[in-house]
Protein backbone atom coordinates (compact mmCIF):
# COMPACT_ATOMS: atom_id res chain seq x y z
CA MET A 1 25.13 -3.62 44.39
CA ILE A 2 25.38 -4.00 48.19
CA PHE A 3 26.32 -7.16 48.43
CA ARG A 4 29.87 -8.75 47.19
CA MET A 5 30.90 -12.16 47.42
CA PHE A 6 34.23 -11.53 46.12
CA SER A 7 36.94 -9.42 45.80
CA ASP A 8 38.30 -7.73 42.58
CA GLU A 9 41.02 -10.23 42.18
CA ASP A 10 39.12 -13.52 43.48
CA VAL A 11 36.36 -12.46 40.77
CA ARG A 12 39.41 -12.09 38.24
CA ARG A 13 40.65 -15.38 39.15
CA ILE A 14 37.91 -17.51 38.59
CA ASN A 15 37.97 -15.68 34.78
CA GLU A 16 40.54 -16.63 34.19
CA ALA A 17 40.33 -20.65 35.36
CA SER A 18 37.53 -20.11 33.03
CA LEU A 19 39.40 -19.09 29.98
CA GLU A 20 42.16 -21.76 30.43
CA VAL A 21 39.46 -24.13 30.88
CA LEU A 22 37.60 -22.97 27.17
CA GLU A 23 41.67 -23.30 25.68
CA SER A 24 43.15 -26.03 27.17
CA VAL A 25 39.71 -28.53 27.74
CA GLY A 26 37.23 -26.80 25.29
CA VAL A 27 33.47 -27.93 24.89
CA GLU A 28 31.24 -30.43 22.97
CA VAL A 29 29.47 -28.63 20.40
CA PRO A 30 27.00 -30.94 18.65
CA HIS A 31 26.36 -28.94 15.58
CA VAL A 32 28.02 -28.93 12.28
CA GLU A 33 27.08 -25.62 10.99
CA THR A 34 28.01 -24.15 14.16
CA LEU A 35 31.37 -26.46 14.60
CA GLU A 36 32.22 -24.70 11.68
CA ARG A 37 31.83 -21.45 12.39
CA PHE A 38 34.00 -22.04 15.24
CA ARG A 39 36.95 -22.88 12.98
CA GLN A 40 36.34 -20.60 10.83
CA SER A 41 36.54 -17.83 13.47
CA GLY A 42 40.12 -19.44 14.73
CA ALA A 43 38.81 -22.03 17.64
CA GLY A 44 40.37 -25.67 17.82
CA VAL A 45 37.78 -28.08 16.25
CA ASP A 46 38.03 -31.91 16.62
CA GLU A 47 34.84 -33.31 14.53
CA LYS A 48 35.48 -36.59 15.84
CA THR A 49 34.96 -35.47 19.49
CA ARG A 50 32.82 -32.43 18.34
CA ARG A 51 35.49 -30.58 21.36
CA VAL A 52 35.76 -26.87 20.19
CA LYS A 53 38.76 -25.27 22.32
CA ILE A 54 37.94 -21.50 22.61
CA PRO A 55 40.74 -19.13 22.51
CA ARG A 56 40.19 -16.18 24.74
CA ASP A 57 40.80 -13.22 22.00
CA LEU A 58 37.70 -15.53 20.57
CA VAL A 59 35.78 -15.00 23.55
CA ALA A 60 36.85 -11.25 24.27
CA LYS A 61 35.53 -10.50 20.80
CA CYS A 62 32.33 -12.29 21.17
CA LEU A 63 31.80 -10.17 24.83
CA ALA A 64 32.25 -7.34 22.59
CA SER A 65 29.65 -7.80 20.10
CA ALA A 66 27.13 -9.11 22.23
CA GLY A 67 23.94 -6.98 23.23
CA LYS A 68 24.42 -5.81 26.50
CA SER A 69 20.88 -4.10 27.28
CA TYR A 70 17.80 -4.84 25.85
CA SER A 71 13.95 -4.49 27.03
CA LEU A 72 11.18 -7.04 26.50
CA PHE A 73 7.80 -5.44 25.86
CA GLY A 74 3.83 -6.94 26.90
CA ARG A 75 0.93 -6.24 24.39
CA ASP A 76 -0.28 -3.61 26.58
CA PRO A 77 3.25 -0.47 26.22
CA GLN A 78 3.20 0.26 29.55
CA LYS A 79 4.36 -3.46 30.62
CA GLN A 80 8.27 -3.33 30.23
CA ALA A 81 10.99 -5.17 31.66
CA HIS A 82 14.32 -4.13 31.55
CA PHE A 83 18.03 -6.19 31.35
CA GLY A 84 20.97 -4.10 32.12
CA MET A 85 19.33 -0.65 32.94
CA GLY A 86 19.48 -1.24 36.61
CA THR A 87 16.37 -2.34 37.20
CA ARG A 88 15.09 -5.75 38.85
CA ASN A 89 12.22 -8.40 36.88
CA TYR A 90 10.59 -11.12 38.53
CA ASN A 91 9.44 -14.15 36.15
CA SER A 92 7.01 -16.98 37.11
CA ILE A 93 8.22 -20.78 35.96
CA ALA A 94 9.12 -20.96 32.14
CA GLY A 95 7.28 -24.48 32.58
CA GLU A 96 7.16 -27.43 34.84
CA ALA A 97 5.99 -31.09 33.87
CA SER A 98 3.58 -31.79 37.25
CA TRP A 99 0.89 -29.13 38.33
CA LEU A 100 -0.45 -29.08 42.12
CA ASP A 101 -3.73 -28.98 43.10
CA GLU A 102 -5.90 -26.56 45.16
CA GLU A 103 -4.55 -28.00 48.45
CA CYS A 104 -0.82 -28.51 47.59
CA MET A 105 -0.92 -31.78 48.61
CA GLU A 106 -1.57 -33.98 45.09
CA ARG A 107 0.44 -33.65 42.12
CA ARG A 108 -1.14 -34.18 38.37
CA PHE A 109 0.30 -33.58 34.83
CA ALA A 110 0.03 -30.22 33.42
CA ALA A 111 -1.93 -29.33 30.44
CA LEU A 112 -2.48 -26.67 28.00
CA ALA A 113 -5.64 -25.32 30.37
CA ASP A 114 -3.25 -24.59 33.15
CA VAL A 115 -1.02 -22.24 30.78
CA GLU A 116 -3.95 -20.23 30.15
CA THR A 117 -4.46 -19.93 34.07
CA ALA A 118 -0.95 -18.99 34.74
CA ALA A 119 -0.90 -16.79 32.28
CA ARG A 120 -4.17 -14.94 33.68
CA LEU A 121 -2.68 -15.12 37.78
CA GLY A 122 1.08 -14.24 36.42
CA ASP A 123 -0.86 -10.59 34.46
CA ALA A 124 -2.86 -9.80 37.69
CA LEU A 125 -0.22 -10.21 40.04
CA PRO A 126 1.79 -6.78 40.64
CA ALA A 127 5.46 -8.18 41.14
CA ILE A 128 5.38 -10.52 38.16
CA ASN A 129 6.19 -8.58 35.13
CA VAL A 130 7.56 -11.33 33.00
CA VAL A 131 4.70 -14.01 32.87
CA GLY A 132 5.71 -17.59 32.82
CA ALA A 133 3.74 -20.74 31.24
CA MET A 134 4.17 -22.44 34.46
CA ALA A 135 3.46 -25.71 32.54
CA ASP A 136 4.99 -28.02 30.22
CA PRO A 137 1.17 -29.46 29.22
CA HIS A 138 0.92 -33.27 28.59
CA ASP A 139 -2.08 -32.72 26.49
CA ALA A 140 -0.04 -30.97 24.00
CA PRO A 141 2.16 -32.79 21.23
CA ALA A 142 5.53 -32.82 22.02
CA ALA A 143 7.14 -31.48 19.11
CA VAL A 144 5.00 -28.86 18.83
CA GLN A 145 4.32 -27.96 22.57
CA ASP A 146 6.31 -24.39 22.39
CA VAL A 147 3.57 -23.31 19.64
CA LEU A 148 0.46 -24.70 21.21
CA VAL A 149 1.43 -23.11 24.64
CA LEU A 150 2.21 -19.52 23.15
CA GLN A 151 -0.74 -19.46 21.49
CA ARG A 152 -2.62 -19.96 24.60
CA LEU A 153 -0.39 -17.34 26.63
CA VAL A 154 -0.40 -14.80 24.45
CA LYS A 155 -4.49 -14.69 24.43
CA ASN A 156 -3.96 -14.57 28.41
CA THR A 157 -1.57 -11.72 29.65
CA SER A 158 -0.51 -8.63 28.17
CA LYS A 159 3.17 -8.97 30.05
CA PRO A 160 6.12 -9.65 28.37
CA PHE A 161 6.52 -13.71 28.69
CA VAL A 162 8.63 -16.72 28.66
CA PHE A 163 8.37 -20.26 27.73
CA TRP A 164 10.73 -23.46 26.93
CA PHE A 165 11.50 -23.22 23.04
CA ASN A 166 11.00 -27.28 21.39
CA ASN A 167 13.39 -27.57 18.42
CA ARG A 168 13.86 -25.92 15.06
CA MET A 169 10.46 -26.76 13.45
CA SER A 170 8.60 -25.50 15.97
CA THR A 171 10.59 -22.39 16.65
CA ARG A 172 9.74 -21.31 12.92
CA TYR A 173 6.40 -21.35 13.72
CA VAL A 174 6.95 -19.77 16.89
CA CYS A 175 9.11 -16.81 15.39
CA ASP A 176 5.66 -16.62 12.70
CA MET A 177 3.63 -16.07 15.80
CA LEU A 178 5.87 -13.45 17.35
CA THR A 179 5.51 -11.67 14.23
CA ALA A 180 1.88 -11.72 13.53
CA LEU A 181 2.06 -10.44 17.13
CA ALA A 182 4.51 -7.57 16.34
CA GLY A 183 3.25 -6.68 12.89
CA SER A 184 6.32 -7.36 11.28
CA GLU A 185 9.80 -9.16 12.00
CA PRO A 186 11.36 -5.80 12.38
CA ALA A 187 9.29 -4.95 15.08
CA VAL A 188 9.73 -7.87 16.64
CA GLY A 189 13.39 -7.27 16.90
CA GLU A 190 12.64 -3.72 18.39
CA ARG A 191 10.19 -4.73 20.87
CA PRO A 192 10.86 -8.24 21.80
CA PRO A 193 8.16 -9.70 24.33
CA THR A 194 10.14 -12.35 25.18
CA TYR A 195 13.73 -14.58 25.41
CA ASN A 196 15.24 -17.83 23.86
CA PHE A 197 17.23 -20.12 26.80
CA LEU A 198 20.05 -21.48 26.06
CA GLU A 199 20.99 -24.22 28.65
CA PRO A 200 24.29 -25.78 28.47
CA ILE A 201 24.75 -29.53 29.84
CA SER A 202 27.11 -29.55 32.19
CA PRO A 203 29.96 -30.11 32.41
CA LEU A 204 31.20 -28.30 29.19
CA ARG A 205 28.20 -29.72 26.89
CA PHE A 206 25.61 -27.96 24.86
CA ALA A 207 22.63 -29.81 23.04
CA PHE A 208 21.72 -30.09 19.37
CA ASN A 209 18.32 -28.58 19.51
CA GLY A 210 19.41 -25.42 21.69
CA ILE A 211 21.78 -24.26 19.67
CA ASP A 212 20.02 -25.20 16.29
CA LEU A 213 16.64 -23.43 17.16
CA LEU A 214 18.99 -20.18 17.43
CA TYR A 215 19.42 -20.07 14.03
CA GLU A 216 15.52 -19.38 13.82
CA THR A 217 15.53 -17.03 16.71
CA ALA A 218 18.68 -14.81 15.35
CA ARG A 219 16.29 -13.74 12.50
CA PHE A 220 14.92 -10.75 15.03
CA PRO A 221 17.25 -11.21 16.84
CA LEU A 222 15.74 -12.93 19.95
CA PRO A 223 17.85 -12.00 23.41
CA VAL A 224 19.32 -15.19 24.44
CA SER A 225 19.84 -16.15 28.25
CA ILE A 226 22.93 -18.50 28.51
CA GLY A 227 22.04 -20.26 32.11
CA PRO A 228 23.80 -23.69 32.28
CA MET A 229 22.68 -25.44 35.59
CA ALA A 230 25.89 -26.91 37.44
CA GLN A 231 25.63 -28.89 40.40
CA ALA A 232 28.48 -28.78 43.21
CA GLY A 233 29.31 -31.91 43.60
CA ALA A 234 28.11 -33.75 41.08
CA THR A 235 28.57 -32.04 37.50
CA ALA A 236 31.22 -29.36 38.81
CA PRO A 237 33.67 -29.46 41.53
CA VAL A 238 32.44 -29.73 44.67
CA THR A 239 34.21 -26.18 46.02
CA LEU A 240 31.88 -23.16 45.03
CA ALA A 241 34.62 -21.51 43.15
CA GLY A 242 35.17 -24.18 40.83
CA THR A 243 31.54 -24.66 40.61
CA LEU A 244 31.49 -20.82 39.40
CA VAL A 245 34.70 -21.70 37.42
CA VAL A 246 32.92 -24.33 35.06
CA GLU A 247 29.77 -22.27 34.95
CA ASN A 248 31.15 -19.31 33.59
CA ALA A 249 32.83 -21.08 30.91
CA GLU A 250 30.00 -22.49 29.84
CA ILE A 251 28.25 -18.75 29.63
CA LEU A 252 31.24 -17.57 28.01
CA ALA A 253 31.45 -20.61 25.42
CA GLY A 254 27.33 -19.79 24.86
CA VAL A 255 27.88 -16.34 24.52
CA CYS A 256 30.67 -16.88 21.56
CA ILE A 257 27.60 -19.46 20.06
CA THR A 258 25.29 -16.81 19.82
CA GLN A 259 27.58 -14.18 18.31
CA LEU A 260 29.00 -16.56 15.78
CA ILE A 261 25.27 -17.28 14.29
CA ARG A 262 24.18 -13.41 14.74
CA GLU A 263 26.38 -10.52 15.79
CA GLY A 264 24.76 -8.36 17.89
CA THR A 265 22.38 -10.58 19.71
CA PRO A 266 21.56 -9.37 23.30
CA VAL A 267 22.93 -11.51 25.65
CA CYS A 268 21.84 -12.35 29.64
CA TYR A 269 24.32 -14.13 31.99
CA GLY A 270 22.25 -17.04 33.61
CA GLY A 271 24.54 -17.74 36.56
CA ILE A 272 22.23 -20.53 38.12
CA PRO A 273 24.34 -23.30 39.73
CA HIS A 274 23.52 -25.67 42.12
CA THR A 275 23.82 -27.80 44.74
CA MET A 276 23.62 -31.83 45.14
CA ASP A 277 23.05 -32.89 48.78
CA MET A 278 25.04 -35.98 49.34
CA ARG A 279 22.49 -37.51 51.77
CA THR A 280 19.71 -37.64 49.18
CA THR A 281 21.48 -36.69 45.37
CA GLN A 282 18.68 -34.30 45.03
CA MET A 283 19.83 -30.85 43.62
CA VAL A 284 19.59 -28.10 46.49
CA PHE A 285 17.28 -24.81 45.13
CA SER A 286 17.45 -22.88 47.95
CA GLY A 287 20.41 -23.67 50.20
CA PRO A 288 22.94 -20.98 51.89
CA GLU A 289 25.65 -21.77 49.39
CA GLN A 290 22.96 -20.95 46.43
CA ALA A 291 22.91 -17.40 47.47
CA LEU A 292 26.78 -16.89 48.00
CA MET A 293 27.17 -18.89 44.45
CA ALA A 294 24.06 -16.67 42.99
CA ALA A 295 25.75 -13.54 44.65
CA GLY A 296 29.33 -14.50 43.12
CA ALA A 297 27.84 -14.95 39.47
CA VAL A 298 26.34 -11.44 39.49
CA GLN A 299 30.00 -10.08 39.72
CA LEU A 300 30.60 -12.60 36.98
CA GLY A 301 28.35 -10.89 34.66
CA LYS A 302 29.02 -8.04 35.48
CA LEU A 303 32.71 -8.30 34.82
CA HIS A 304 31.61 -8.64 31.39
CA GLY A 305 29.50 -6.18 31.08
CA LEU A 306 25.76 -8.37 30.78
CA PRO A 307 22.92 -8.29 32.65
CA VAL A 308 22.47 -11.15 34.89
CA TYR A 309 19.91 -13.98 35.52
CA ILE A 310 20.30 -15.64 38.73
CA ASN A 311 18.13 -18.64 40.42
CA VAL A 312 17.13 -17.16 43.98
CA GLY A 313 13.96 -16.66 45.56
CA LEU A 314 13.44 -20.24 45.29
CA THR A 315 12.51 -23.57 47.67
CA ASP A 316 13.09 -26.55 48.17
CA SER A 317 9.81 -27.36 50.17
CA LYS A 318 7.27 -28.74 48.14
CA ILE A 319 4.51 -26.69 49.76
CA PRO A 320 3.92 -23.00 50.66
CA ASP A 321 5.14 -23.24 54.16
CA ALA A 322 7.79 -21.68 56.66
CA GLN A 323 10.43 -23.33 55.20
CA ALA A 324 9.63 -22.15 51.31
CA GLY A 325 8.64 -18.38 52.73
CA LEU A 326 12.71 -18.67 55.12
CA GLU A 327 14.37 -20.09 51.61
CA SER A 328 12.52 -18.19 49.16
CA GLY A 329 13.32 -15.07 51.19
CA MET A 330 16.57 -15.38 52.28
CA THR A 331 18.09 -16.02 48.81
CA LEU A 332 15.61 -13.70 47.13
CA LEU A 333 17.11 -10.37 49.32
CA ALA A 334 20.73 -11.65 48.72
CA GLY A 335 20.17 -11.69 45.06
CA ALA A 336 18.15 -8.20 44.78
CA LEU A 337 21.34 -6.43 47.17
CA ALA A 338 24.30 -8.27 44.56
CA GLY A 339 22.57 -6.38 41.99
CA ALA A 340 20.98 -9.18 39.20
CA ASP A 341 18.72 -7.85 36.65
CA ILE A 342 16.10 -11.07 36.86
CA PHE A 343 14.97 -13.63 39.43
CA GLY A 344 13.34 -16.91 39.26
CA HIS A 345 11.53 -19.13 38.07
CA MET A 346 8.98 -18.06 40.59
CA GLY A 347 6.30 -20.83 41.42
CA ILE A 348 8.78 -24.25 41.13
CA CYS A 349 7.65 -26.39 44.02
CA GLY A 350 11.12 -28.38 45.30
CA VAL A 351 13.47 -28.94 42.64
CA ASP A 352 11.25 -28.71 39.50
CA GLN A 353 9.49 -31.18 40.81
CA ALA A 354 6.02 -29.48 40.01
CA THR A 355 4.51 -25.93 39.99
CA SER A 356 2.18 -24.26 41.90
CA LEU A 357 -0.09 -21.32 41.61
CA THR A 358 -0.65 -20.70 45.35
CA MET A 359 3.24 -20.95 45.78
CA LEU A 360 3.76 -17.77 43.25
CA VAL A 361 0.91 -15.78 44.60
CA MET A 362 3.24 -16.33 48.19
CA GLN A 363 6.28 -15.66 46.14
CA ASP A 364 5.05 -12.39 44.64
CA GLU A 365 4.25 -10.81 47.96
CA ILE A 366 8.01 -12.13 49.34
CA ILE A 367 9.07 -9.85 46.11
CA GLN A 368 7.35 -6.73 47.27
CA TYR A 369 8.86 -7.26 50.52
CA VAL A 370 12.46 -7.44 49.04
CA GLU A 371 11.54 -4.37 46.82
CA ARG A 372 10.62 -2.35 49.88
CA ILE A 373 14.07 -3.17 51.49
CA MET A 374 16.07 -2.28 47.91
CA ALA A 375 14.00 1.18 48.00
CA GLY A 376 15.87 2.05 50.91
CA VAL A 377 15.49 5.22 53.12
CA LYS A 378 15.23 8.86 51.76
CA VAL A 379 17.27 11.25 54.06
CA ASP A 380 16.50 14.93 53.88
CA GLU A 381 15.38 17.79 55.67
CA ASP A 382 11.23 16.51 55.23
CA THR A 383 11.65 12.93 56.49
CA LEU A 384 14.48 13.80 59.30
CA ALA A 385 11.05 15.21 60.19
CA VAL A 386 12.67 17.91 63.25
CA ASP A 387 10.16 20.74 63.50
CA VAL A 388 7.50 17.64 63.71
CA ILE A 389 9.68 16.78 66.55
CA ARG A 390 9.97 19.97 67.96
CA SER A 391 5.64 20.35 67.93
CA VAL A 392 5.31 17.36 69.34
CA GLY A 393 7.51 17.57 72.05
CA PRO A 394 8.22 14.76 75.05
CA GLY A 395 5.35 12.53 75.74
CA GLY A 396 3.28 13.23 72.67
CA ASN A 397 2.09 11.43 69.83
CA TYR A 398 2.24 11.62 65.83
CA LEU A 399 -1.07 9.69 64.91
CA SER A 400 -2.56 13.27 64.67
CA GLU A 401 0.06 14.67 62.08
CA PRO A 402 -0.05 16.22 58.94
CA HIS A 403 3.56 15.12 58.40
CA THR A 404 2.36 11.24 59.24
CA ALA A 405 -0.21 11.28 56.69
CA GLN A 406 1.57 12.68 54.06
CA HIS A 407 4.76 9.80 54.55
CA LEU A 408 2.74 6.84 55.59
CA ARG A 409 2.19 5.28 52.44
CA THR A 410 5.80 6.45 51.04
CA GLU A 411 7.71 5.09 53.94
CA HIS A 412 5.66 2.02 55.20
CA TRP A 413 4.64 -0.84 53.21
CA PHE A 414 1.67 -2.38 53.85
CA PRO A 415 1.32 -5.88 52.54
CA ARG A 416 -1.40 -8.09 51.03
CA LEU A 417 -1.51 -11.35 52.66
CA LEU A 418 1.06 -11.09 55.95
CA ASP A 419 -0.76 -10.86 59.16
CA ARG A 420 -0.27 -8.77 61.21
CA ARG A 421 -3.56 -8.17 63.51
CA PHE A 422 -4.33 -8.93 67.16
CA PHE A 423 -4.56 -12.36 68.11
CA ASP A 424 -8.14 -12.28 69.04
CA ALA A 425 -8.65 -10.62 65.66
CA TRP A 426 -6.82 -13.74 64.09
CA ALA A 427 -8.52 -16.75 65.67
CA ALA A 428 -12.06 -14.67 65.18
CA GLU A 429 -11.43 -15.66 61.19
CA GLY A 430 -10.48 -19.33 61.71
CA LYS A 431 -6.60 -19.22 62.84
CA ARG A 432 -5.89 -19.87 59.09
CA ASP A 433 -2.13 -19.43 57.83
CA MET A 434 -0.41 -18.05 54.98
CA ALA A 435 -0.92 -20.96 52.66
CA TRP A 436 -4.82 -20.67 53.46
CA ARG A 437 -4.24 -16.68 52.42
CA CYS A 438 -2.49 -17.20 49.49
CA ARG A 439 -5.09 -19.69 47.93
CA GLU A 440 -7.67 -17.31 48.73
CA MET A 441 -5.93 -14.36 47.14
CA LYS A 442 -5.49 -16.80 44.19
CA GLU A 443 -9.19 -17.11 43.41
CA LYS A 444 -10.10 -13.97 44.25
CA LEU A 445 -7.44 -12.77 41.66
CA LEU A 446 -8.52 -15.39 38.67
CA ALA A 447 -12.30 -14.51 39.36
CA GLU A 448 -11.82 -10.85 39.18
CA HIS A 449 -8.92 -9.70 36.98
CA GLU A 450 -9.56 -9.56 33.15
CA VAL A 451 -6.72 -9.50 30.55
CA THR A 452 -6.70 -7.24 27.86
CA PRO A 453 -7.75 -9.12 25.02
CA LEU A 454 -5.98 -9.66 21.68
CA HIS A 455 -7.06 -8.11 18.62
CA PRO A 456 -9.34 -10.43 16.86
CA ALA A 457 -7.29 -10.47 13.25
CA VAL A 458 -3.90 -10.87 15.28
CA GLU A 459 -6.09 -13.76 17.42
CA LYS A 460 -7.02 -15.21 14.10
CA GLU A 461 -3.45 -15.34 12.65
CA ILE A 462 -2.05 -17.16 15.79
CA ASP A 463 -4.90 -19.45 15.62
CA ARG A 464 -4.02 -20.21 12.32
CA ILE A 465 -0.05 -20.23 12.89
CA ALA A 466 -0.62 -23.34 15.18
CA ALA A 467 -3.31 -24.95 13.40
CA SER A 468 -0.31 -25.26 10.47
CA ALA A 469 2.06 -26.60 12.94
CA THR A 470 0.07 -29.14 14.64
CA LYS A 471 -0.47 -30.56 11.04
CA GLU A 472 3.16 -30.52 9.88
CA ALA A 473 3.78 -32.46 13.36
CA GLY A 474 1.46 -35.03 11.72
CA GLN A 475 -0.67 -34.66 14.97
């Protein structure tokens, strides 16, 4: 961690304020069984308002029992994502309702076929190590959308993956699919390929389905990322510190829910607050305040000993243009320097207004740029190069030195998409911009990349489960 937004005292005060909110204001939990578990654990429960006032000792107990490190595993055992272990992870978006066309100028409803394409591209991109479905397909029955999305995902990527869970019924089938993929229920718990996402509804509320389906994923258990999107000035105080108080309180309440359902469930602290643009009433994904709050959320998550997920690397732009590059790069670097574990969701255009494979390709390049910065500079006798400097002397050059060839590719990053040529060379090829190069790279990867196929028996079982789910849903 290099970038610290707050002093230790600031972090303590924000956390204390959140604990006070949980004890005196509470959170709304519209789930009877969970309310009863809170009651039995010493929380104050109002049945009429479904409000739970959570004492700080219960918060401390649940934080102590939560799993604080875990890994996700792809079908390819070499493809993993580690949380709470000092590494960084990047996922593409779990799903958006709209999909941008090839030129990124028109949008349409997303479809199941888009999930397949997005998964194949995510599988091909080197910096994306958790592959998102990227589409909420309009042509899939809503009741089992997650089942059909997962069916496409597992066939088109061998990396860990992420998608949106739907309801308890569909999640039973999702869990059956994950079991078929891993070979057994214990194997899913030991090597989970995905995580669930519990999203509180700011301010201080939870959705029924979000809690209810946790009773199914707890059978393994799957890791749970808890990520409210409190908006400064709208669903949280306009002050950034006040927004973090609400956000932290909601996440701590979510930690309690996961541990009351199954003790030891691994948890990721999803500090993903935003601001609201008071001129347009639109949520802001990538203002400077986003970087500041994300960095602060990292410190709060680490205070609790949890891995941290933050919304950085995103953009308010609708297309992969200069604005998108500036916003994605600035916020992603701030988040990486703050020490978060996972960043995303990549591939979104604007504020959840659409998703774009071209945008994802550009952000993959930005991630690699940021990763080179995070790698830092090695200082030892060899890299100080005094002997080489002495050998070359004044007025010489280092192009032909063996030392240059030895260190060139470890010291310098070589982009695939950023253009560094002379003007004449760039002009001779048509004066093509970054967006054009991203589209070209996308088409090349989709044409050439081959995904490791599923074992036929596993694929057959997954198709059977999907058919059963669709039948139960009456579709």
